[in-house]
C-alpha atoms as a PDB file:
ATOM      1  CA  UNK A   1      -1.142  11.162   8.702  1.00  0.00           C
ATOM      2  CA  UNK A   2       1.061   9.742  11.446  1.00  0.00           C
ATOM      3  CA  UNK A   3      -1.753   7.392  12.439  1.00  0.00           C
ATOM      4  CA  UNK A   4      -1.001   5.467   9.217  1.00  0.00           C
ATOM      5  CA  UNK A   5       2.660   4.898  10.118  1.00  0.00           C
ATOM      6  CA  UNK A   6       4.037   2.574  12.820  1.00  0.00           C
ATOM      7  CA  UNK A   7       5.009   4.242  16.105  1.00  0.00           C
ATOM      8  CA  UNK A   8       7.999   3.263  18.227  1.00  0.00           C
ATOM      9  CA  UNK A   9       7.447   4.315  21.829  1.00  0.00           C
ATOM     10  CA  UNK A  10      10.760   3.511  23.504  1.00  0.00           C
ATOM     11  CA  UNK A  11      14.423   2.812  22.881  1.00  0.00           C
ATOM     12  CA  UNK A  12      13.978  -0.951  22.872  1.00  0.00           C
ATOM     13  CA  UNK A  13      11.437  -0.717  20.048  1.00  0.00           C
ATOM     14  CA  UNK A  14      13.806   1.500  18.052  1.00  0.00           C
ATOM     15  CA  UNK A  15      16.648  -0.991  18.576  1.00  0.00           C
ATOM     16  CA  UNK A  16      14.447  -3.905  17.514  1.00  0.00           C
ATOM     17  CA  UNK A  17      13.291  -2.088  14.383  1.00  0.00           C
ATOM     18  CA  UNK A  18      16.900  -1.428  13.403  1.00  0.00           C
ATOM     19  CA  UNK A  19      18.113  -4.940  14.192  1.00  0.00           C
ATOM     20  CA  UNK A  20      15.240  -6.685  12.402  1.00  0.00           C
ATOM     21  CA  UNK A  21      15.797  -4.984   9.032  1.00  0.00           C
ATOM     22  CA  UNK A  22      18.727  -6.296   7.029  1.00  0.00           C
ATOM     23  CA  UNK A  23      17.498  -5.944   3.461  1.00  0.00           C
ATOM     24  CA  UNK A  24      15.249  -2.894   3.549  1.00  0.00           C
ATOM     25  CA  UNK A  25      15.630   0.793   4.221  1.00  0.00           C
ATOM     26  CA  UNK A  26      14.469   1.871   7.667  1.00  0.00           C
ATOM     27  CA  UNK A  27      13.449   5.485   8.190  1.00  0.00           C
ATOM     28  CA  UNK A  28      12.894   6.733  11.726  1.00  0.00           C
ATOM     29  CA  UNK A  29      11.359  10.166  12.232  1.00  0.00           C
ATOM     30  CA  UNK A  30      11.721  11.624  15.726  1.00  0.00           C
ATOM     31  CA  UNK A  31       9.238  14.274  16.766  1.00  0.00           C
ATOM     32  CA  UNK A  32       5.657  14.968  17.760  1.00  0.00           C
ATOM     33  CA  UNK A  33       2.569  14.052  15.756  1.00  0.00           C
ATOM     34  CA  UNK A  34       1.169  17.555  16.254  1.00  0.00           C
ATOM     35  CA  UNK A  35       4.260  19.382  14.949  1.00  0.00           C
ATOM     36  CA  UNK A  36       3.534  20.866  11.477  1.00  0.00           C
ATOM     37  CA  UNK A  37       6.998  19.932  10.173  1.00  0.00           C
ATOM     38  CA  UNK A  38       6.608  16.346  11.393  1.00  0.00           C
ATOM     39  CA  UNK A  39       3.124  16.203   9.882  1.00  0.00           C
ATOM     40  CA  UNK A  40       4.555  17.142   6.487  1.00  0.00           C
ATOM     41  CA  UNK A  41       7.322  14.537   6.819  1.00  0.00           C
ATOM     42  CA  UNK A  42       4.707  11.919   7.742  1.00  0.00           C
ATOM     43  CA  UNK A  43       2.725  12.743   4.599  1.00  0.00           C
ATOM     44  CA  UNK A  44       5.819  12.317   2.434  1.00  0.00           C
ATOM     45  CA  UNK A  45       6.868   9.087   4.161  1.00  0.00           C
ATOM     46  CA  UNK A  46       3.374   7.625   3.870  1.00  0.00           C
ATOM     47  CA  UNK A  47       3.134   8.572   0.196  1.00  0.00           C
ATOM     48  CA  UNK A  48       6.302   6.629  -0.664  1.00  0.00           C
ATOM     49  CA  UNK A  49       6.045   3.761   1.854  1.00  0.00           C
ATOM     50  CA  UNK A  50       4.053   1.346  -0.314  1.00  0.00           C
ATOM     51  CA  UNK A  51       6.033   2.196  -3.453  1.00  0.00           C
ATOM     52  CA  UNK A  52       9.328   1.560  -1.674  1.00  0.00           C
ATOM     53  CA  UNK A  53       8.093  -1.652  -0.077  1.00  0.00           C
ATOM     54  CA  UNK A  54       7.134  -3.161  -3.433  1.00  0.00           C
ATOM     55  CA  UNK A  55      10.408  -1.952  -4.937  1.00  0.00           C
ATOM     56  CA  UNK A  56      12.493  -3.806  -2.330  1.00  0.00           C
ATOM     57  CA  UNK A  57      10.470  -7.042  -2.159  1.00  0.00           C
END
């Protein structure tokens, strides 16, 4: 499911993601796409992403 979520590949991208969000919640998950625990977290994050986005807009 991680292919459905944005990926940040370096520290600069993480910094920019944090700095660019003032009014919304930003969730950053560190880990590997192939890790079963990360895969489960990705499923949960994806399942709530659209709901949370419409809630905050």
